[in-house]
C-alpha cells in the first residue's frame, strides 16, 4: 500500500519565516523587558536611596523633598522627548496602534532605545505609570526594525510589530498567554489562526527570556484568595456593573487632566516637570502605598488585608490623579499597571462592603481586588478576554477565572454603552481624527485623507463678485470652492450660498459677504472614516484639508468622489 504525503503548501515557507522572525522578536522583546526592569530599579535606587537621604527636609512628619524627585525626572525626560522622539511621550500604545493601522507597521528605530530610557527615568524617579506602555512600544519598534531589515510586506510588518509588543508584555509581566492576547485583542482587534502562531511563539519566548533573568515569581501575591462561592457571582456581576461606570470615569478624568496640561501656555519641555510636581505632592502624603511608580507593592498590601476601607478608596482616587498628571503632562509610561492598582483598591473596598452586608455569603472579601483589576481594565481598554487570562497569570491563581469572567464581561459591556467601542488607548487617536474601535477595523479607518485628497484646488478670491460663481459652477462642475486670500483660507462658498442671492444684486455682492466663515475642515493625518462622519453630520459634500498646526493653510480638498476612491484603494490592499 502506497502512502502519499500531503504537499507542502507554497505559502508555508512564508509562515515559517514569520514564525522564525517572531521567535527573534520574542528574544529581543524579552531582553527589552529585562533591561527596562533593571533600569527602573537602578534609577529608583539612585533617586530614593542615594539622592533623597541627602536632601531630605522633614516638616510635620512629611518629607518635603520627595516632591522634588518626580520634578527632577520630568526635567530630564522633557528635553529628551521633545527634541529626539516626541512619539515616546505618554503611554505609547496609541502610537503603536496608529503605526499598525495606518503606517504599515513602520516605527522609527530610535523609539526602541529612547522609550526605555525616558520611561525608566519617569517611573524610577517616582512618576505614577506602568511598564506595559514603554515595553509595548519598545517591543513594537524592535519588530518594526526587523521588518525593515528583511523588507517585509506591510501586512507582515504589522504582524511582526505585534510579535514584538506581545513579547515585551509577556516578559514584563511573566504572562505569556496574556501577552499574546494583549497584542491580538488590543492592537490587532482580532486575528486569523495562521497570524496568531508567530505572536504566540514571540510571547512564550519573551516570557521565558525575561524569567531567566528576573525569576518566575508572580506579580501579585494572591495566596489564600482562591475561594469563592456560587452565590457570590451575583456580587461579582454587580461589581462589573459599577466598574463599567468607574472605567469610563477613569478615562474621562485621565483625558481631562491631559487636556489641562495641553492648554497650559508652557513649553512641552517643562510640562513633565509640572506633572511631576503634582505627583510628588501626592507621593509625599502617602509614600509607602504604591502611588509612585508601578504600584504593585500597594496592590500586594491590599491583597494581604493591610489597608482599611477608607484608605483603599483614597488610594484608588489618588492613583487616578497621579497617573493622569504623570502621563498626561507628557511623561512616559503605561496605564495598564495603574489601572490594575486602581481596580485592586476599589475592588477590595467593594469586597469589604459586600462582606459587611452579607458576611454569611462572602467567602473572601479581598478576592474582589483581583476581580476589580480585571473589571476596570476590561472596561477602560475594551479588552475583556485579555484580562480574564492575564490577571490569573499574574497572580498564579486560575481558580478565580469564573468570577473574573463575570465581572470583566459585565464591565466591558457597560463601558461599551458609553464609549461605543472607543477605549483609553484609542481616544488619544480620536483627538487626532484617527478613528479606531474594538473589533475588526472599518475599511475607511485604514486610509488617511492625504492619500486620496485632491491637491490641486480651485479657489476663489474674496473680492470677486458673487456672480462669478455662476461661471465657476458651469466650467468646473463643483458645488463649493475654498475662499483664499493671500494664501490663507478665509471661508468656503457653495452653490447654496449663491442661490440665496437675487440675480439683480449678484454683481454688487462680494464673495466674502456670502461665504461661510465657520469652516468645517479635515486634516491630512485624519482617517477617511472620520471625514465621512463629519460630512454626514453636517450634510456637506466636501471639506477643505488644512495643516493641523496652521488651520488657515490650505493643503487640498476631499469630496465624496475621493471617498469612493478610498474604498477602491482599501479594497486592493492585502487582507490583514
Protein backbone atom coordinates (compact mmCIF):
# COMPACT_ATOMS: atom_id res chain seq x y z
CA UNK A 1 0.00 0.00 0.00
CA UNK A 2 1.47 3.30 -1.11
CA UNK A 3 1.44 6.12 1.42
CA UNK A 4 1.05 9.63 -0.01
CA UNK A 5 2.18 12.63 1.98
CA UNK A 6 0.40 15.96 1.76
CA UNK A 7 2.07 18.54 -0.47
CA UNK A 8 3.92 21.36 1.25
CA UNK A 9 1.81 24.49 0.58
CA UNK A 10 3.53 27.28 -1.30
CA UNK A 11 2.69 29.87 1.35
CA UNK A 12 4.01 27.66 4.19
CA UNK A 13 7.55 28.93 3.60
CA UNK A 14 6.36 32.47 4.30
CA UNK A 15 4.71 31.46 7.56
CA UNK A 16 7.79 29.51 8.67
CA UNK A 17 9.89 32.63 8.09
CA UNK A 18 7.39 34.73 10.06
CA UNK A 19 7.42 32.17 12.88
CA UNK A 20 11.23 32.35 12.94
CA UNK A 21 11.23 36.16 12.95
CA UNK A 22 8.55 36.06 15.63
CA UNK A 23 10.94 33.99 17.74
CA UNK A 24 13.70 36.56 17.19
CA UNK A 25 11.30 39.34 18.17
CA UNK A 26 10.45 37.27 21.24
CA UNK A 27 14.08 37.08 22.34
CA UNK A 28 14.70 40.79 21.78
CA UNK A 29 11.35 41.79 23.32
CA UNK A 30 12.06 39.69 26.40
CA UNK A 31 15.52 41.24 26.74
CA UNK A 32 13.92 44.67 26.38
CA UNK A 33 11.62 43.85 29.32
CA UNK A 34 14.65 42.83 31.39
CA UNK A 35 16.57 46.00 30.53
CA UNK A 36 13.57 48.21 31.36
CA UNK A 37 13.00 46.43 34.68
CA UNK A 38 16.66 46.74 35.72
CA UNK A 39 16.87 50.37 34.62
CA UNK A 40 13.79 51.30 36.63
CA UNK A 41 15.23 49.57 39.72
CA UNK A 42 18.62 51.26 39.28
CA UNK A 43 17.19 54.74 38.73
CA UNK A 44 14.72 54.30 41.59
CA UNK A 45 17.60 53.26 43.86
CA UNK A 46 19.54 56.37 42.89
CA UNK A 47 16.64 58.77 43.44
CA UNK A 48 15.23 57.29 46.65
CA UNK A 49 18.17 55.53 48.32
CA UNK A 50 21.09 57.80 47.38
CA UNK A 51 19.71 61.23 46.50
CA UNK A 52 16.70 61.54 48.82
CA UNK A 53 18.57 60.95 52.14
CA UNK A 54 20.98 63.75 51.20
CA UNK A 55 18.30 66.36 50.51
CA UNK A 56 15.55 65.32 52.96
CA UNK A 57 13.61 68.06 54.72
CA UNK A 58 11.09 66.80 57.30
CA UNK A 59 8.22 69.02 58.44
CA UNK A 60 5.20 67.75 60.36
CA UNK A 61 6.06 64.13 59.70
CA UNK A 62 6.32 64.64 55.90
CA UNK A 63 9.50 64.53 53.82
CA UNK A 64 9.03 67.56 51.58
CA UNK A 65 12.00 66.62 49.40
CA UNK A 66 10.06 63.69 47.92
CA UNK A 67 8.15 66.26 45.85
CA UNK A 68 11.36 67.23 44.04
CA UNK A 69 12.24 63.75 42.75
CA UNK A 70 9.48 63.38 40.08
CA UNK A 71 10.11 67.03 39.16
CA UNK A 72 13.78 66.27 38.53
CA UNK A 73 12.78 63.21 36.50
CA UNK A 74 10.44 65.40 34.44
CA UNK A 75 13.17 67.96 33.81
CA UNK A 76 15.39 65.18 32.43
CA UNK A 77 12.84 63.44 30.19
CA UNK A 78 11.17 66.62 28.87
CA UNK A 79 14.07 67.70 26.61
CA UNK A 80 14.79 64.12 25.54
CA UNK A 81 11.21 63.59 24.39
CA UNK A 82 10.62 66.94 22.68
CA UNK A 83 13.94 67.05 20.85
CA UNK A 84 14.63 63.43 19.94
CA UNK A 85 11.35 61.47 19.70
CA UNK A 86 8.03 63.17 20.55
CA UNK A 87 6.20 59.87 19.96
CA UNK A 88 7.79 58.44 23.11
CA UNK A 89 5.74 60.67 25.41
CA UNK A 90 2.57 59.34 27.01
CA UNK A 91 1.60 55.70 27.24
CA UNK A 92 2.86 54.60 23.84
CA UNK A 93 0.25 52.06 22.77
CA UNK A 94 -1.88 54.56 20.78
CA UNK A 95 1.19 55.35 18.68
CA UNK A 96 1.73 51.64 18.03
CA UNK A 97 -1.93 51.22 17.08
CA UNK A 98 -1.60 54.10 14.61
CA UNK A 99 1.55 52.57 13.12
CA UNK A 100 -0.19 49.22 12.64
CA UNK A 101 -3.44 50.66 11.25
CA UNK A 102 -2.11 53.45 9.05
CA UNK A 103 1.67 53.28 8.62
CA UNK A 104 2.22 49.71 7.50
CA UNK A 105 3.83 48.86 10.85
CA UNK A 106 6.62 51.40 10.38
CA UNK A 107 8.09 52.76 13.63
CA UNK A 108 11.28 54.80 13.83
CA UNK A 109 14.26 52.73 15.02
CA UNK A 110 15.30 55.24 17.67
CA UNK A 111 11.99 54.72 19.51
CA UNK A 112 13.10 51.31 20.85
CA UNK A 113 16.13 52.86 22.54
CA UNK A 114 14.68 56.16 23.72
CA UNK A 115 11.39 54.77 25.05
CA UNK A 116 13.25 52.57 27.52
CA UNK A 117 15.36 55.50 28.74
CA UNK A 118 12.62 58.12 29.20
CA UNK A 119 10.19 55.61 30.73
CA UNK A 120 12.78 54.25 33.17
CA UNK A 121 13.56 57.80 34.30
CA UNK A 122 9.87 58.76 34.58
CA UNK A 123 8.92 55.69 36.60
CA UNK A 124 12.18 55.36 38.52
CA UNK A 125 12.04 58.97 39.74
CA UNK A 126 8.61 58.38 41.24
CA UNK A 127 6.25 59.05 38.36
CA UNK A 128 2.99 57.11 38.54
CA UNK A 129 2.96 54.91 35.44
CA UNK A 130 3.24 51.32 34.29
CA UNK A 131 5.78 49.31 32.33
CA UNK A 132 3.41 47.91 29.70
CA UNK A 133 3.26 51.07 27.54
CA UNK A 134 7.03 51.52 27.36
CA UNK A 135 7.87 47.87 26.75
CA UNK A 136 4.99 47.59 24.26
CA UNK A 137 6.32 50.49 22.22
CA UNK A 138 9.90 49.26 22.56
CA UNK A 139 8.97 45.71 21.54
CA UNK A 140 6.91 47.06 18.65
CA UNK A 141 9.84 49.16 17.46
CA UNK A 142 12.03 46.04 17.60
CA UNK A 143 9.52 44.14 15.48
CA UNK A 144 9.25 47.04 13.04
CA UNK A 145 13.04 47.24 12.76
CA UNK A 146 13.24 43.53 11.93
CA UNK A 147 10.57 44.02 9.27
CA UNK A 148 12.53 46.91 7.76
CA UNK A 149 15.78 44.92 7.77
CA UNK A 150 14.16 41.98 5.96
CA UNK A 151 12.00 44.26 3.74
CA UNK A 152 8.73 42.57 4.64
CA UNK A 153 5.38 43.47 3.11
CA UNK A 154 3.25 45.91 5.16
CA UNK A 155 0.87 43.16 6.33
CA UNK A 156 3.79 41.02 7.55
CA UNK A 157 5.49 44.05 9.10
CA UNK A 158 2.35 44.76 11.13
CA UNK A 159 2.33 41.17 12.35
CA UNK A 160 5.96 41.42 13.45
CA UNK A 161 5.17 44.65 15.31
CA UNK A 162 2.51 42.74 17.26
CA UNK A 163 5.03 39.96 17.94
CA UNK A 164 7.46 42.44 19.46
CA UNK A 165 4.75 44.09 21.54
CA UNK A 166 3.39 40.78 22.82
CA UNK A 167 6.87 39.52 23.70
CA UNK A 168 7.59 42.66 25.68
CA UNK A 169 4.28 42.48 27.56
CA UNK A 170 4.73 38.77 28.27
CA UNK A 171 8.25 39.34 29.57
CA UNK A 172 7.35 42.37 31.68
CA UNK A 173 4.51 40.59 33.47
CA UNK A 174 5.61 36.93 33.22
CA UNK A 175 2.34 36.27 31.39
CA UNK A 176 2.93 34.58 28.00
CA UNK A 177 -0.72 33.92 27.19
CA UNK A 178 -1.77 37.34 28.45
CA UNK A 179 0.94 38.99 26.35
CA UNK A 180 -0.24 37.23 23.21
CA UNK A 181 -3.87 38.11 23.87
CA UNK A 182 -2.94 41.74 24.59
CA UNK A 183 -1.39 42.07 21.15
CA UNK A 184 -4.18 40.21 19.36
CA UNK A 185 -7.12 41.84 21.16
CA UNK A 186 -5.91 45.39 21.86
CA UNK A 187 -3.62 46.01 18.89
CA UNK A 188 -4.96 43.89 16.04
CA UNK A 189 -8.55 43.79 17.39
CA UNK A 190 -8.88 40.23 16.12
CA UNK A 191 -6.56 37.86 14.22
CA UNK A 192 -6.55 34.81 11.97
CA UNK A 193 -5.22 31.43 13.08
CA UNK A 194 -2.02 31.46 10.99
CA UNK A 195 -1.18 35.01 12.08
CA UNK A 196 -1.66 34.03 15.72
CA UNK A 197 1.17 31.49 15.66
CA UNK A 198 4.13 33.95 15.39
CA UNK A 199 2.53 36.09 18.12
CA UNK A 200 2.19 33.10 20.45
CA UNK A 201 5.76 31.99 19.75
CA UNK A 202 7.07 35.50 20.42
CA UNK A 203 5.12 35.75 23.70
CA UNK A 204 6.31 32.40 25.04
CA UNK A 205 9.93 33.14 24.17
CA UNK A 206 9.68 36.69 25.55
CA UNK A 207 8.35 35.42 28.88
CA UNK A 208 10.98 32.66 29.02
CA UNK A 209 13.86 35.06 28.35
CA UNK A 210 12.63 37.56 30.96
CA UNK A 211 12.00 34.90 33.61
CA UNK A 212 15.53 33.56 33.07
CA UNK A 213 16.92 36.87 34.33
CA UNK A 214 14.14 38.10 36.62
CA UNK A 215 12.73 34.83 38.00
CA UNK A 216 9.23 33.38 37.74
CA UNK A 217 7.71 34.97 40.82
CA UNK A 218 4.12 36.14 40.11
CA UNK A 219 3.49 39.90 40.13
CA UNK A 220 0.81 39.61 42.82
CA UNK A 221 0.73 37.52 45.98
CA UNK A 222 -2.79 36.05 45.94
CA UNK A 223 -2.08 33.17 48.29
CA UNK A 224 -5.23 32.24 50.22
CA UNK A 225 -7.51 34.21 47.87
CA UNK A 226 -8.65 31.31 45.74
CA UNK A 227 -12.02 30.67 47.34
CA UNK A 228 -15.40 31.92 46.18
CA UNK A 229 -18.95 30.59 46.36
CA UNK A 230 -21.53 30.35 43.53
CA UNK A 231 -23.96 32.84 45.19
CA UNK A 232 -21.15 35.41 45.08
CA UNK A 233 -21.33 35.54 41.28
CA UNK A 234 -24.21 37.98 41.75
CA UNK A 235 -21.87 40.28 43.69
CA UNK A 236 -19.20 39.94 41.02
CA UNK A 237 -21.77 40.93 38.40
CA UNK A 238 -22.71 43.98 40.49
CA UNK A 239 -19.01 44.82 40.79
CA UNK A 240 -18.76 44.63 36.99
CA UNK A 241 -21.72 46.98 36.54
CA UNK A 242 -20.20 49.55 38.88
CA UNK A 243 -16.72 49.19 37.47
CA UNK A 244 -18.00 49.71 33.94
CA UNK A 245 -19.02 53.19 35.05
CA UNK A 246 -15.81 53.70 37.04
CA UNK A 247 -13.72 52.76 33.98
CA UNK A 248 -15.48 55.47 31.96
CA UNK A 249 -14.85 58.00 34.74
CA UNK A 250 -11.21 56.91 34.83
CA UNK A 251 -10.84 57.56 31.09
CA UNK A 252 -12.67 60.90 31.27
CA UNK A 253 -10.59 62.12 34.21
CA UNK A 254 -7.35 60.99 32.56
CA UNK A 255 -8.01 62.92 29.36
CA UNK A 256 -9.47 65.90 31.23
CA UNK A 257 -6.20 66.30 33.15
CA UNK A 258 -4.20 65.69 29.99
CA UNK A 259 -6.25 68.46 28.35
CA UNK A 260 -5.34 70.85 31.17
CA UNK A 261 -1.64 70.26 30.52
CA UNK A 262 -2.08 70.60 26.75
CA UNK A 263 -3.73 74.02 27.21
CA UNK A 264 -1.01 75.32 29.53
CA UNK A 265 0.99 78.05 27.84
CA UNK A 266 4.24 76.41 28.87
CA UNK A 267 6.86 74.74 26.70
CA UNK A 268 6.30 70.99 26.29
CA UNK A 269 9.86 70.56 27.53
CA UNK A 270 8.81 71.58 31.06
CA UNK A 271 5.34 70.08 31.29
CA UNK A 272 6.54 66.66 32.58
CA UNK A 273 8.19 68.51 35.47
CA UNK A 274 4.89 70.21 36.31
CA UNK A 275 3.16 66.83 36.23
CA UNK A 276 5.94 65.52 38.46
CA UNK A 277 5.29 68.34 40.92
CA UNK A 278 1.64 67.31 41.35
CA UNK A 279 2.56 63.63 41.55
CA UNK A 280 5.35 64.29 44.03
CA UNK A 281 2.95 66.07 46.35
CA UNK A 282 0.63 63.05 46.40
CA UNK A 283 3.55 60.68 46.98
CA UNK A 284 4.69 62.79 49.92
CA UNK A 285 1.28 62.34 51.58
CA UNK A 286 1.32 58.53 51.28
CA UNK A 287 4.82 57.42 50.27
CA UNK A 288 4.57 53.72 51.19
CA UNK A 289 1.39 52.66 49.42
CA UNK A 290 2.31 52.43 45.73
CA UNK A 291 1.13 55.79 44.42
CA UNK A 292 4.55 56.27 42.84
CA UNK A 293 5.92 54.02 40.15
CA UNK A 294 4.17 50.86 39.00
CA UNK A 295 2.43 50.43 42.38
CA UNK A 296 2.47 46.65 42.80
CA UNK A 297 3.65 46.93 46.41
CA UNK A 298 0.41 48.75 47.18
CA UNK A 299 -1.63 46.08 45.39
CA UNK A 300 0.02 43.36 47.45
CA UNK A 301 -0.76 45.28 50.64
CA UNK A 302 -4.40 45.38 49.61
CA UNK A 303 -4.39 41.65 48.85
CA UNK A 304 -2.81 40.98 52.25
CA UNK A 305 -5.57 42.87 54.04
CA UNK A 306 -3.25 45.57 55.39
CA UNK A 307 -5.37 48.52 54.18
CA UNK A 308 -8.65 49.66 55.72
CA UNK A 309 -11.75 50.63 53.75
CA UNK A 310 -11.35 54.43 53.66
CA UNK A 311 -7.66 54.18 52.75
CA UNK A 312 -8.46 51.83 49.85
CA UNK A 313 -10.88 54.37 48.40
CA UNK A 314 -8.45 57.25 48.90
CA UNK A 315 -5.56 55.39 47.28
CA UNK A 316 -7.66 54.43 44.25
CA UNK A 317 -8.61 58.07 43.64
CA UNK A 318 -5.10 59.42 44.27
CA UNK A 319 -3.61 56.89 41.83
CA UNK A 320 -6.00 58.15 39.16
CA UNK A 321 -4.84 61.72 39.71
CA UNK A 322 -1.14 60.85 39.99
CA UNK A 323 -1.13 58.75 36.79
CA UNK A 324 -3.08 61.37 34.88
CA UNK A 325 -0.57 64.04 35.94
CA UNK A 326 2.48 61.89 35.16
CA UNK A 327 1.41 60.55 31.76
CA UNK A 328 -0.94 63.38 30.78
CA UNK A 329 1.76 66.01 31.25
CA UNK A 330 3.99 64.29 28.70
CA UNK A 331 5.92 61.85 30.89
CA UNK A 332 6.50 58.36 29.55
CA UNK A 333 4.76 55.32 30.99
CA UNK A 334 1.80 52.99 30.65
CA UNK A 335 -1.72 52.98 32.08
CA UNK A 336 -2.20 49.21 32.41
CA UNK A 337 -0.45 48.82 35.79
CA UNK A 338 -2.12 51.96 37.25
CA UNK A 339 -5.48 50.60 36.06
CA UNK A 340 -4.78 47.36 37.92
CA UNK A 341 -3.82 49.33 41.05
CA UNK A 342 -6.98 51.45 40.90
CA UNK A 343 -9.11 48.36 40.26
CA UNK A 344 -7.47 46.48 43.13
CA UNK A 345 -8.07 49.28 45.65
CA UNK A 346 -11.66 49.94 44.67
CA UNK A 347 -12.38 46.22 44.21
CA UNK A 348 -11.04 45.40 47.68
CA UNK A 349 -13.19 48.22 49.09
CA UNK A 350 -16.27 46.74 47.42
CA UNK A 351 -15.38 43.30 48.74
CA UNK A 352 -15.25 44.67 52.29
CA UNK A 353 -18.61 46.37 51.80
CA UNK A 354 -20.16 43.15 50.48
CA UNK A 355 -18.69 41.30 53.46
CA UNK A 356 -20.20 43.80 55.89
CA UNK A 357 -23.63 43.47 54.29
CA UNK A 358 -23.59 39.71 53.60
CA UNK A 359 -20.99 38.05 55.85
CA UNK A 360 -22.56 34.62 55.50
CA UNK A 361 -22.24 34.68 51.68
CA UNK A 362 -18.90 36.41 51.02
CA UNK A 363 -16.14 33.84 51.43
CA UNK A 364 -13.04 36.03 50.99
CA UNK A 365 -13.64 39.78 50.51
CA UNK A 366 -10.13 40.53 49.25
CA UNK A 367 -10.72 38.27 46.23
CA UNK A 368 -12.75 41.17 44.87
CA UNK A 369 -9.49 43.12 44.50
CA UNK A 370 -8.42 40.74 41.71
CA UNK A 371 -11.84 40.95 40.08
CA UNK A 372 -11.65 44.74 40.32
CA UNK A 373 -8.32 44.77 38.49
CA UNK A 374 -9.75 42.80 35.61
CA UNK A 375 -13.05 44.66 35.51
CA UNK A 376 -11.50 48.15 35.40
CA UNK A 377 -9.09 47.34 32.60
CA UNK A 378 -11.70 45.34 30.66
CA UNK A 379 -13.92 48.42 30.61
CA UNK A 380 -11.19 51.02 30.07
CA UNK A 381 -9.32 49.15 27.33
CA UNK A 382 -12.37 47.31 25.94
CA UNK A 383 -10.32 44.11 26.21
CA UNK A 384 -12.14 41.61 28.45
CA UNK A 385 -10.60 38.41 27.08
CA UNK A 386 -7.07 39.61 27.74
CA UNK A 387 -7.59 40.29 31.46
CA UNK A 388 -9.66 37.14 32.04
CA UNK A 389 -6.44 35.24 31.34
CA UNK A 390 -3.77 37.77 32.29
CA UNK A 391 -4.87 38.53 35.87
CA UNK A 392 -4.87 34.82 36.86
CA UNK A 393 -1.45 34.50 35.17
CA UNK A 394 -0.05 37.48 37.08
CA UNK A 395 -1.43 36.17 40.40
CA UNK A 396 -0.76 32.48 39.65
CA UNK A 397 -4.36 31.72 40.63
CA UNK A 398 -6.57 30.29 37.90
CA UNK A 399 -9.32 29.26 40.32
CA UNK A 400 -10.76 32.77 40.06
CA UNK A 401 -11.45 32.69 36.33
CA UNK A 402 -15.29 32.30 36.68
CA UNK A 403 -15.81 35.40 38.88
CA UNK A 404 -13.29 37.37 36.81
CA UNK A 405 -15.18 36.38 33.65
CA UNK A 406 -18.43 37.69 35.13
CA UNK A 407 -17.02 41.00 36.39
CA UNK A 408 -14.91 41.68 33.27
CA UNK A 409 -17.59 40.94 30.69
CA UNK A 410 -20.16 42.99 32.60
CA UNK A 411 -17.79 45.94 32.98
CA UNK A 412 -16.86 45.71 29.30
CA UNK A 413 -20.49 45.89 28.20
CA UNK A 414 -21.42 48.77 30.50
CA UNK A 415 -18.37 50.77 29.40
CA UNK A 416 -19.15 49.99 25.75
CA UNK A 417 -22.58 51.60 26.14
CA UNK A 418 -20.80 54.87 26.96
CA UNK A 419 -17.68 54.53 24.82
CA UNK A 420 -19.17 52.80 21.75
CA UNK A 421 -16.01 50.86 21.05
CA UNK A 422 -13.53 53.57 21.99
CA UNK A 423 -11.02 52.88 24.74
CA UNK A 424 -8.38 54.54 26.90
CA UNK A 425 -5.93 53.76 24.09
CA UNK A 426 -7.96 54.88 21.07
CA UNK A 427 -9.39 58.16 22.42
CA UNK A 428 -5.95 59.76 22.09
CA UNK A 429 -6.08 58.87 18.39
CA UNK A 430 -9.67 60.10 18.07
CA UNK A 431 -8.49 63.55 19.12
CA UNK A 432 -6.21 63.50 16.07
CA UNK A 433 -9.03 62.35 13.80
CA UNK A 434 -7.91 58.70 13.68
CA UNK A 435 -10.90 56.51 14.44
CA UNK A 436 -10.04 53.01 15.67
CA UNK A 437 -12.58 50.92 17.54
CA UNK A 438 -12.77 47.44 19.02
CA UNK A 439 -13.40 44.63 16.57
CA UNK A 440 -12.10 44.45 13.02
CA UNK A 441 -11.47 47.95 11.60
CA UNK A 442 -13.86 49.62 9.16
CA UNK A 443 -12.22 49.74 5.74
CA UNK A 444 -12.04 53.56 5.68
CA UNK A 445 -10.20 53.55 9.02
CA UNK A 446 -7.19 52.25 7.08
CA UNK A 447 -6.92 55.20 4.67
CA UNK A 448 -5.65 58.66 5.54
CA UNK A 449 -7.02 61.84 4.00
CA UNK A 450 -3.64 62.74 2.48
CA UNK A 451 -3.75 59.54 0.39
CA UNK A 452 -6.91 60.49 -1.51
CA UNK A 453 -7.38 64.26 -1.21
CA UNK A 454 -7.25 66.47 -4.30
CA UNK A 455 -4.13 68.62 -4.01
CA UNK A 456 -4.77 70.93 -6.97
CA UNK A 457 -7.57 73.00 -5.51
CA UNK A 458 -9.63 75.52 -7.49
CA UNK A 459 -10.01 78.52 -5.19
CA UNK A 460 -11.79 81.83 -5.44
CA UNK A 461 -10.83 85.32 -4.28
CA UNK A 462 -12.92 87.02 -1.57
CA UNK A 463 -13.10 90.32 -3.53
CA UNK A 464 -14.70 88.80 -6.64
CA UNK A 465 -18.41 89.47 -7.29
CA UNK A 466 -20.77 86.69 -6.36
CA UNK A 467 -21.90 86.41 -9.97
CA UNK A 468 -18.52 84.89 -10.90
CA UNK A 469 -19.65 81.74 -9.13
CA UNK A 470 -22.08 81.01 -11.98
CA UNK A 471 -19.10 80.73 -14.36
CA UNK A 472 -17.17 78.59 -11.85
CA UNK A 473 -20.06 76.16 -11.46
CA UNK A 474 -20.55 75.94 -15.22
CA UNK A 475 -16.86 75.45 -16.03
CA UNK A 476 -15.64 73.22 -13.18
CA UNK A 477 -18.88 71.49 -12.10
CA UNK A 478 -18.02 71.71 -8.38
CA UNK A 479 -20.67 72.78 -5.91
CA UNK A 480 -18.30 74.52 -3.48
CA UNK A 481 -14.99 76.42 -3.51
CA UNK A 482 -12.50 77.48 -0.80
CA UNK A 483 -12.14 81.25 -0.49
CA UNK A 484 -8.44 82.12 -0.27
CA UNK A 485 -6.80 85.49 0.34
CA UNK A 486 -3.01 85.87 0.23
CA UNK A 487 -2.57 82.13 0.61
CA UNK A 488 -4.82 81.94 3.66
CA UNK A 489 -8.15 80.12 3.83
CA UNK A 490 -10.80 82.63 4.91
CA UNK A 491 -14.04 80.82 4.06
CA UNK A 492 -15.87 78.47 1.76
CA UNK A 493 -18.67 79.30 -0.66
CA UNK A 494 -21.22 76.91 -2.19
CA UNK A 495 -23.97 76.96 -4.76
CA UNK A 496 -26.49 77.19 -1.92
CA UNK A 497 -24.93 80.49 -0.80
CA UNK A 498 -25.34 81.89 -4.32
CA UNK A 499 -28.91 80.69 -4.67
CA UNK A 500 -29.91 82.79 -1.65
CA UNK A 501 -28.99 85.98 -3.56
CA UNK A 502 -31.41 87.63 -6.04
CA UNK A 503 -29.99 87.80 -9.58
CA UNK A 504 -30.23 91.57 -9.58
CA UNK A 505 -27.58 92.09 -6.87
CA UNK A 506 -25.12 89.30 -7.60
CA UNK A 507 -22.73 91.69 -9.38
CA UNK A 508 -22.72 94.04 -6.38
CA UNK A 509 -22.13 91.49 -3.59
CA UNK A 510 -18.62 90.19 -2.95
CA UNK A 511 -17.80 86.53 -2.41
CA UNK A 512 -16.57 87.16 1.15
CA UNK A 513 -20.01 88.53 2.09
CA UNK A 514 -21.81 85.27 1.35
CA UNK A 515 -19.02 82.78 2.18
CA UNK A 516 -19.22 80.68 5.34
CA UNK A 517 -16.56 81.74 7.87
CA UNK A 518 -17.21 78.87 10.30
CA UNK A 519 -15.38 76.25 8.25
CA UNK A 520 -15.55 72.50 8.86
CA UNK A 521 -12.13 71.16 7.89
CA UNK A 522 -10.21 67.90 7.52
CA UNK A 523 -6.57 67.17 8.33
CA UNK A 524 -4.13 65.15 6.22
CA UNK A 525 -3.42 62.63 9.01
CA UNK A 526 -7.13 62.11 9.72
CA UNK A 527 -8.85 58.91 8.57
CA UNK A 528 -11.30 58.99 5.71
CA UNK A 529 -13.86 57.36 8.01
CA UNK A 530 -13.65 60.38 10.32
CA UNK A 531 -14.18 62.76 7.38
CA UNK A 532 -17.18 60.76 6.19
CA UNK A 533 -18.71 61.10 9.66
CA UNK A 534 -18.23 64.90 9.50
CA UNK A 535 -19.85 65.08 6.07
CA UNK A 536 -22.82 63.04 7.22
CA UNK A 537 -23.25 65.01 10.44
CA UNK A 538 -23.07 68.44 8.75
CA UNK A 539 -24.72 67.39 5.47
CA UNK A 540 -21.87 68.71 3.32
CA UNK A 541 -20.21 67.21 0.28
CA UNK A 542 -16.61 68.41 0.53
CA UNK A 543 -14.12 69.57 3.15
CA UNK A 544 -11.00 71.71 2.77
CA UNK A 545 -7.89 69.92 4.04
CA UNK A 546 -5.67 72.17 6.16
CA UNK A 547 -2.42 71.99 8.11
CA UNK A 548 -3.15 70.86 11.69
CA UNK A 549 -0.63 73.40 13.02
CA UNK A 550 -1.90 76.22 10.76
CA UNK A 551 -5.65 75.82 10.07
CA UNK A 552 -5.55 78.67 7.52
CA UNK A 553 -3.03 76.90 5.29
CA UNK A 554 -4.93 75.03 2.59
CA UNK A 555 -3.37 71.71 1.56
CA UNK A 556 -6.13 70.21 -0.53
CA UNK A 557 -9.80 69.29 -0.62
CA UNK A 558 -11.64 66.00 -0.10
CA UNK A 559 -15.03 65.19 -1.60
CA UNK A 560 -17.34 62.21 -1.71
CA UNK A 561 -15.74 61.27 -5.02
CA UNK A 562 -12.39 60.98 -3.20
CA UNK A 563 -14.04 58.78 -0.55
CA UNK A 564 -15.20 56.39 -3.27
CA UNK A 565 -11.57 56.26 -4.43
CA UNK A 566 -10.52 55.50 -0.84
CA UNK A 567 -12.81 52.46 -0.90
CA UNK A 568 -11.09 51.27 -4.06
CA UNK A 569 -7.61 51.73 -2.58
CA UNK A 570 -8.50 49.90 0.64
CA UNK A 571 -10.09 47.04 -1.27
CA UNK A 572 -6.83 46.46 -3.19
CA UNK A 573 -4.72 46.25 -0.05
CA UNK A 574 -3.77 42.80 1.28
CA UNK A 575 -6.04 41.33 3.94
CA UNK A 576 -4.73 41.75 7.45
